[in-house]
Protein backbone atom coordinates (compact mmCIF):
# COMPACT_ATOMS: atom_id res chain seq x y z
CA UNK A 1 0.00 0.00 0.00
CA UNK A 2 1.23 3.50 -0.78
CA UNK A 3 -0.03 6.80 0.63
CA UNK A 4 1.61 10.04 -0.54
CA UNK A 5 4.59 8.07 -1.83
CA UNK A 6 5.12 6.30 1.52
CA UNK A 7 4.95 2.52 1.15
CA UNK A 8 3.79 0.04 3.78
CA UNK A 9 3.61 -3.71 3.32
CA UNK A 10 1.12 -6.08 4.88
CA UNK A 11 1.81 -9.82 4.82
CA UNK A 12 -1.11 -11.99 3.76
CA UNK A 13 0.21 -15.19 5.25
CA UNK A 14 -0.34 -16.95 1.93
CA UNK A 15 2.18 -18.40 -0.49
CA UNK A 16 2.15 -19.11 -4.21
CA UNK A 17 4.41 -20.31 -6.97
CA UNK A 18 6.33 -17.21 -8.15
CA UNK A 19 5.94 -18.41 -11.77
CA UNK A 20 2.14 -18.05 -11.46
CA UNK A 21 2.22 -14.56 -9.93
CA UNK A 22 1.18 -11.71 -12.23
CA UNK A 23 2.95 -8.71 -10.73
CA UNK A 24 1.20 -6.27 -13.08
CA UNK A 25 -2.25 -7.41 -11.92
CA UNK A 26 -1.15 -8.12 -8.36
CA UNK A 27 -2.95 -11.43 -8.53
CA UNK A 28 -2.33 -15.12 -9.12
CA UNK A 29 -2.64 -16.20 -12.77
CA UNK A 30 -4.87 -19.06 -13.79
CA UNK A 31 -8.36 -20.33 -13.23
CA UNK A 32 -7.67 -23.24 -10.90
CA UNK A 33 -9.37 -23.28 -7.52
CA UNK A 34 -6.23 -22.20 -5.65
CA UNK A 35 -5.86 -19.12 -7.88
CA UNK A 36 -9.54 -18.20 -7.53
CA UNK A 37 -9.37 -18.66 -3.76
CA UNK A 38 -6.17 -16.63 -3.38
CA UNK A 39 -7.44 -13.84 -5.64
CA UNK A 40 -10.73 -13.71 -3.77
CA UNK A 41 -8.82 -13.44 -0.49
CA UNK A 42 -6.71 -10.61 -1.91
CA UNK A 43 -9.89 -8.82 -3.05
CA UNK A 44 -11.28 -9.09 0.48
CA UNK A 45 -8.08 -7.67 1.96
CA UNK A 46 -8.13 -4.83 -0.57
CA UNK A 47 -11.72 -3.99 0.39
CA UNK A 48 -10.70 -3.91 4.08
CA UNK A 49 -7.86 -1.50 3.29
CA UNK A 50 -10.25 0.77 1.37
CA UNK A 51 -12.70 0.60 4.28
CA UNK A 52 -9.96 1.53 6.79
CA UNK A 53 -9.01 4.48 4.59
CA UNK A 54 -12.65 5.61 4.34
CA UNK A 55 -13.08 5.43 8.13
CA UNK A 56 -10.03 7.66 8.59
CA UNK A 57 -11.37 10.17 6.05
CA UNK A 58 -14.83 10.24 7.67
CA UNK A 59 -13.36 10.76 11.17
CA UNK A 60 -11.09 13.53 9.90
CA UNK A 61 -7.93 11.76 11.01
CA UNK A 62 -4.54 12.19 9.37
CA UNK A 63 -4.16 9.83 6.42
CA UNK A 64 -0.77 8.14 6.32
CA UNK A 65 0.30 4.69 5.23
CA UNK A 66 0.91 3.86 8.90
CA UNK A 67 -2.52 5.10 10.03
CA UNK A 68 -4.28 3.07 7.32
CA UNK A 69 -2.28 -0.02 8.29
CA UNK A 70 -3.04 0.51 11.99
CA UNK A 71 -6.76 0.94 11.26
CA UNK A 72 -6.69 -2.14 8.99
CA UNK A 73 -5.01 -4.17 11.75
CA UNK A 74 -7.46 -2.91 14.39
CA UNK A 75 -4.89 -1.00 16.39
CA UNK A 76 -6.30 1.88 18.39
CA UNK A 77 -4.47 5.02 19.38
CA UNK A 78 -3.66 5.30 23.08
CA UNK A 79 -5.29 2.10 24.31
CA UNK A 80 -6.11 2.09 28.03
CA UNK A 81 -5.15 -0.72 30.34
CA UNK A 82 -7.83 -2.14 32.59
CA UNK A 83 -6.02 -0.79 35.66
CA UNK A 84 -6.14 2.74 34.19
CA UNK A 85 -9.89 2.44 33.63
CA UNK A 86 -10.43 1.23 37.22
CA UNK A 87 -8.34 4.09 38.64
CA UNK A 88 -10.34 6.59 36.57
CA UNK A 89 -13.58 5.08 37.86
CA UNK A 90 -12.37 5.20 41.47
CA UNK A 91 -11.42 8.90 41.17
CA UNK A 92 -14.87 9.64 39.79
CA UNK A 93 -16.52 7.78 42.68
CA UNK A 94 -14.34 9.54 45.28
CA UNK A 95 -15.45 12.88 43.89
CA UNK A 96 -19.08 11.89 44.52
CA UNK A 97 -18.58 10.87 48.17
CA UNK A 98 -20.60 13.15 50.44
CA UNK A 99 -22.78 14.56 47.67
CA UNK A 100 -26.54 14.11 47.65
CA UNK A 101 -26.72 13.19 43.99
CA UNK A 102 -27.97 9.80 42.90
CA UNK A 103 -25.18 7.63 41.56
CA UNK A 104 -25.85 5.12 38.82
CA UNK A 105 -23.10 2.89 37.53
CA UNK A 106 -23.02 2.35 34.68
CA UNK A 107 -24.61 5.61 33.71
CA UNK A 108 -26.95 3.86 31.25
CA UNK A 109 -28.84 2.29 34.19
CA UNK A 110 -30.12 5.66 35.50
């Protein structure tokens, strides 16, 4: 994949005979079942890359080869560890101690 001249590669985990690979088409040559299956798989991967790109465009995020690859692979920016989420929750609860407000956790149960 290339974005603004910056190239990123994603391994498919599949192998093929180099003699049957059509580098111009980016697909396996032939009509045997293995070629149809591999080419179908590549089409699916290509659709997922396009979808990842579209999601970045819609959300207004910076489009780079790395960001498309991260989105494709399901990587999220700044993931939180469970311990961080629990600490955040505990701080929120401490702030409510002594108040007369009704507390609902999770908020959707109020």
